[in-house]
Amino acid sequence: MKLNLNQITIPVFDIEKSIQFYEILGLKLIVKSLPHYARFECPDGDATFSLHKVEKLSSVENSIWIYFEVKELDLFVNQLMQQKIEVEEMPNEKPWMWQEARLKDLDGNQLILYYAGDNRKNPPWRIK
């Protein structure tokens, strides 16, 4: 049996505001079942991303970390900042050979925008 990641679903307080936020990031809304659910397509690849409404979120220390790969990371981050999206950490090189920028969504979930190229799945320390 083979597994393939279909989607990630995250908890949010306000579906409508979260839809607007993730559309600014470039995700395409494909399901809008208000007030409890929304689902997006990623513009590249087959993965989908969805939101479900909750009354209470986990603590910020235990928030979800979501990685979105963007080839032109610097340009993308600059475009987000022009849209008034607050970026906590500007693009920079990491010891694991990725370039990353960090921000939080409206519910405190950690978003990591990154570009890793071949190192995403084939870093020098990959198990053979």
Protein backbone atom coordinates (compact mmCIF):
# COMPACT_ATOMS: atom_id res chain seq x y z
CA MET A 1 0.00 0.00 0.00
CA LYS A 2 1.26 3.50 -0.83
CA LEU A 3 0.36 6.68 1.04
CA ASN A 4 0.00 10.15 -0.43
CA LEU A 5 -0.74 13.29 1.56
CA ASN A 6 -4.15 14.60 0.54
CA GLN A 7 -4.73 17.58 2.79
CA ILE A 8 -3.96 19.32 6.03
CA THR A 9 -6.88 20.72 8.04
CA ILE A 10 -6.27 23.35 10.69
CA PRO A 11 -8.54 24.84 13.37
CA VAL A 12 -9.58 28.50 13.11
CA PHE A 13 -11.96 30.84 14.95
CA ASP A 14 -13.28 32.84 12.01
CA ILE A 15 -13.61 30.99 8.71
CA GLU A 16 -14.43 34.12 6.66
CA LYS A 17 -11.37 36.07 7.83
CA SER A 18 -9.15 33.02 7.46
CA ILE A 19 -10.38 32.47 3.89
CA GLN A 20 -9.32 36.03 3.03
CA PHE A 21 -5.91 35.52 4.67
CA TYR A 22 -5.15 32.27 2.83
CA GLU A 23 -6.38 33.69 -0.49
CA ILE A 24 -3.80 36.49 -0.07
CA LEU A 25 -1.19 33.73 0.29
CA GLY A 26 -2.33 32.45 -3.11
CA LEU A 27 -4.44 29.41 -2.23
CA LYS A 28 -7.53 28.83 -4.42
CA LEU A 29 -10.82 28.38 -2.56
CA ILE A 30 -12.66 25.26 -3.82
CA VAL A 31 -15.15 24.53 -0.99
CA LYS A 32 -16.94 27.10 1.15
CA SER A 33 -19.29 25.43 3.68
CA LEU A 34 -19.91 28.28 6.07
CA PRO A 35 -19.75 28.69 8.94
CA HIS A 36 -17.74 25.53 9.67
CA TYR A 37 -15.42 24.57 6.79
CA ALA A 38 -13.41 25.79 3.80
CA ARG A 39 -10.98 24.00 1.51
CA PHE A 40 -8.29 25.29 -0.87
CA GLU A 41 -6.12 23.97 -3.66
CA CYS A 42 -2.45 24.77 -3.63
CA PRO A 43 -1.45 26.54 -6.86
CA ASP A 44 1.34 24.00 -7.43
CA GLY A 45 1.00 20.26 -6.84
CA ASP A 46 -1.99 18.18 -5.78
CA ALA A 47 -2.21 18.90 -2.06
CA THR A 48 -5.20 20.67 -0.56
CA PHE A 49 -5.49 22.71 2.62
CA SER A 50 -8.61 23.19 4.71
CA LEU A 51 -9.95 25.12 7.67
CA HIS A 52 -12.49 24.04 10.25
CA LYS A 53 -14.14 26.28 12.81
CA VAL A 54 -13.44 25.65 16.49
CA GLU A 55 -14.57 27.39 19.65
CA LYS A 56 -11.20 27.01 21.38
CA LEU A 57 -7.66 26.84 20.00
CA SER A 58 -4.66 25.06 21.47
CA SER A 59 -2.05 27.19 23.17
CA VAL A 60 0.30 29.16 20.93
CA GLU A 61 3.22 27.02 22.12
CA ASN A 62 1.45 23.98 20.67
CA SER A 63 0.25 25.59 17.45
CA ILE A 64 0.49 23.88 14.11
CA TRP A 65 3.51 24.49 11.86
CA ILE A 66 2.72 24.59 8.15
CA TYR A 67 5.36 24.71 5.42
CA PHE A 68 4.54 26.21 2.02
CA GLU A 69 7.26 26.02 -0.63
CA VAL A 70 7.75 29.09 -2.83
CA LYS A 71 10.48 29.22 -5.45
CA GLU A 72 10.80 33.05 -5.53
CA LEU A 73 10.66 33.44 -1.74
CA ASP A 74 12.01 37.00 -1.47
CA LEU A 75 9.59 38.32 -4.08
CA PHE A 76 6.66 36.45 -2.52
CA VAL A 77 7.40 37.80 0.98
CA ASN A 78 7.66 41.35 -0.38
CA GLN A 79 4.27 40.93 -2.08
CA LEU A 80 2.73 39.74 1.20
CA MET A 81 4.14 42.71 3.07
CA GLN A 82 2.60 45.04 0.47
CA GLN A 83 -0.73 43.36 1.32
CA LYS A 84 -0.13 44.27 5.02
CA ILE A 85 0.71 40.69 6.06
CA GLU A 86 3.09 40.83 9.03
CA VAL A 87 6.23 38.76 8.50
CA GLU A 88 7.98 37.76 11.73
CA GLU A 89 11.21 36.52 10.15
CA MET A 90 12.43 37.67 6.76
CA PRO A 91 13.88 35.13 4.31
CA ASN A 92 17.20 33.78 5.52
CA GLU A 93 19.41 30.74 5.05
CA LYS A 94 18.98 27.95 7.60
CA PRO A 95 21.58 25.34 8.66
CA TRP A 96 19.41 22.63 7.08
CA MET A 97 20.11 24.25 3.67
CA TRP A 98 16.68 25.88 3.19
CA GLN A 99 15.82 29.52 2.83
CA GLU A 100 12.89 30.34 5.14
CA ALA A 101 10.61 33.19 6.19
CA ARG A 102 8.11 32.94 9.05
CA LEU A 103 4.75 34.44 9.87
CA LYS A 104 1.63 33.49 11.79
CA ASP A 105 -1.89 33.17 10.49
CA LEU A 106 -4.83 34.88 12.22
CA ASP A 107 -5.09 32.08 14.78
CA GLY A 108 -1.40 31.89 15.70
CA ASN A 109 -0.49 28.89 13.55
CA GLN A 110 3.13 29.07 12.45
CA LEU A 111 3.58 29.40 8.69
CA ILE A 112 6.98 28.75 7.22
CA LEU A 113 7.45 29.93 3.67
CA TYR A 114 10.54 28.29 2.26
CA TYR A 115 12.53 27.21 -0.72
CA ALA A 116 14.74 24.14 -0.48
CA GLY A 117 15.14 22.93 -4.04
CA ASP A 118 16.57 19.42 -4.15
CA ASN A 119 17.52 19.63 -0.45
CA ARG A 120 13.84 19.33 0.52
CA LYS A 121 13.91 15.58 -0.01
CA ASN A 122 17.59 14.93 -0.69
CA PRO A 123 19.77 16.70 1.87
CA PRO A 124 23.35 15.45 2.20
CA TRP A 125 22.39 13.70 5.46
CA ARG A 126 19.49 11.75 3.93
CA ILE A 127 19.35 8.11 5.03
CA LYS A 128 20.40 5.84 2.18
